[in-house]
Amino acid sequence: MNKIVNFLGKPRTIENVIKNRKTSWLELFYDLIFAVVFSRLTESLLEHQTLTGFINAILTFFWLIWG
């Protein structure tokens, strides 16, 4: 485990601000995809207010978060 930490380096804390850091297009694209999937998920949940629809929405949400 110590070799992995030495290879990757210590994770930075929230106080360590990276100066002049820019957001990449990939980050913005992923945020857009997340917002679209989340809105479609809630829209589908409103249309199908059943136990099956709720379970489907929960599983899809956790799949999205895990990805």
C-alpha atoms as a PDB file:
ATOM      1  CA  MET A   1       0.000   0.000   0.000  1.00  0.00           C
ATOM      2  CA  ASN A   2       2.858   2.353   0.803  1.00  0.00           C
ATOM      3  CA  LYS A   3       4.285   1.855  -2.714  1.00  0.00           C
ATOM      4  CA  ILE A   4       0.982   2.910  -4.245  1.00  0.00           C
ATOM      5  CA  VAL A   5       0.847   6.070  -2.117  1.00  0.00           C
ATOM      6  CA  ASN A   6       4.432   6.893  -3.096  1.00  0.00           C
ATOM      7  CA  PHE A   7       3.658   6.337  -6.791  1.00  0.00           C
ATOM      8  CA  LEU A   8       0.390   8.307  -6.885  1.00  0.00           C
ATOM      9  CA  GLY A   9       1.296  10.886  -4.266  1.00  0.00           C
ATOM     10  CA  LYS A  10      -0.758  12.025  -1.319  1.00  0.00           C
ATOM     11  CA  PRO A  11      -4.259  13.249  -2.120  1.00  0.00           C
ATOM     12  CA  ARG A  12      -4.664  16.985  -1.771  1.00  0.00           C
ATOM     13  CA  THR A  13      -6.934  18.461   0.854  1.00  0.00           C
ATOM     14  CA  ILE A  14      -9.618  21.031   0.230  1.00  0.00           C
ATOM     15  CA  GLU A  15      -7.332  23.778   1.567  1.00  0.00           C
ATOM     16  CA  ASN A  16      -4.791  23.115  -1.207  1.00  0.00           C
ATOM     17  CA  VAL A  17      -6.056  25.344  -3.989  1.00  0.00           C
ATOM     18  CA  ILE A  18      -4.534  24.837  -7.440  1.00  0.00           C
ATOM     19  CA  LYS A  19      -3.832  28.256  -8.891  1.00  0.00           C
ATOM     20  CA  ASN A  20      -4.753  28.976 -12.523  1.00  0.00           C
ATOM     21  CA  ARG A  21      -6.628  25.675 -12.837  1.00  0.00           C
ATOM     22  CA  LYS A  22      -9.079  25.592 -15.728  1.00  0.00           C
ATOM     23  CA  THR A  23     -12.068  23.342 -16.188  1.00  0.00           C
ATOM     24  CA  SER A  24     -11.654  20.889 -19.040  1.00  0.00           C
ATOM     25  CA  TRP A  25     -14.232  20.256 -21.753  1.00  0.00           C
ATOM     26  CA  LEU A  26     -14.545  16.684 -20.516  1.00  0.00           C
ATOM     27  CA  GLU A  27     -15.589  17.873 -17.046  1.00  0.00           C
ATOM     28  CA  LEU A  28     -18.176  20.210 -18.534  1.00  0.00           C
ATOM     29  CA  PHE A  29     -19.501  17.456 -20.829  1.00  0.00           C
ATOM     30  CA  TYR A  30     -19.814  15.029 -17.905  1.00  0.00           C
ATOM     31  CA  ASP A  31     -21.697  17.660 -15.872  1.00  0.00           C
ATOM     32  CA  LEU A  32     -24.062  18.211 -18.802  1.00  0.00           C
ATOM     33  CA  ILE A  33     -24.697  14.473 -19.176  1.00  0.00           C
ATOM     34  CA  PHE A  34     -25.299  14.178 -15.425  1.00  0.00           C
ATOM     35  CA  ALA A  35     -27.863  17.000 -15.513  1.00  0.00           C
ATOM     36  CA  VAL A  36     -29.699  15.548 -18.529  1.00  0.00           C
ATOM     37  CA  VAL A  37     -29.857  12.031 -17.086  1.00  0.00           C
ATOM     38  CA  PHE A  38     -30.991  13.362 -13.712  1.00  0.00           C
ATOM     39  CA  SER A  39     -33.788  15.415 -15.307  1.00  0.00           C
ATOM     40  CA  ARG A  40     -34.946  12.471 -17.438  1.00  0.00           C
ATOM     41  CA  LEU A  41     -34.833  10.246 -14.372  1.00  0.00           C
ATOM     42  CA  THR A  42     -37.028  12.552 -12.309  1.00  0.00           C
ATOM     43  CA  GLU A  43     -39.356  13.108 -15.267  1.00  0.00           C
ATOM     44  CA  SER A  44     -39.771   9.349 -15.660  1.00  0.00           C
ATOM     45  CA  LEU A  45     -40.377   8.970 -11.933  1.00  0.00           C
ATOM     46  CA  LEU A  46     -43.164  11.559 -12.063  1.00  0.00           C
ATOM     47  CA  GLU A  47     -44.833   9.744 -14.964  1.00  0.00           C
ATOM     48  CA  HIS A  48     -44.618   6.279 -13.354  1.00  0.00           C
ATOM     49  CA  GLN A  49     -45.443   6.701  -9.679  1.00  0.00           C
ATOM     50  CA  THR A  50     -45.400   3.026  -8.815  1.00  0.00           C
ATOM     51  CA  LEU A  51     -43.114   0.863  -6.736  1.00  0.00           C
ATOM     52  CA  THR A  52     -41.525  -0.535  -9.890  1.00  0.00           C
ATOM     53  CA  GLY A  53     -40.932   2.960 -11.259  1.00  0.00           C
ATOM     54  CA  PHE A  54     -39.404   4.052  -7.957  1.00  0.00           C
ATOM     55  CA  ILE A  55     -37.065   1.042  -7.817  1.00  0.00           C
ATOM     56  CA  ASN A  56     -36.080   1.604 -11.446  1.00  0.00           C
ATOM     57  CA  ALA A  57     -35.312   5.281 -10.710  1.00  0.00           C
ATOM     58  CA  ILE A  58     -33.241   4.411  -7.627  1.00  0.00           C
ATOM     59  CA  LEU A  59     -31.224   1.762  -9.485  1.00  0.00           C
ATOM     60  CA  THR A  60     -30.611   4.083 -12.424  1.00  0.00           C
ATOM     61  CA  PHE A  61     -29.573   6.901 -10.080  1.00  0.00           C
ATOM     62  CA  PHE A  62     -27.049   4.699  -8.267  1.00  0.00           C
ATOM     63  CA  TRP A  63     -25.743   3.438 -11.623  1.00  0.00           C
ATOM     64  CA  LEU A  64     -25.239   7.067 -12.675  1.00  0.00           C
ATOM     65  CA  ILE A  65     -23.472   8.011  -9.439  1.00  0.00           C
ATOM     66  CA  TRP A  66     -21.277   4.887  -9.551  1.00  0.00           C
ATOM     67  CA  GLY A  67     -20.260   5.655 -13.137  1.00  0.00           C
END
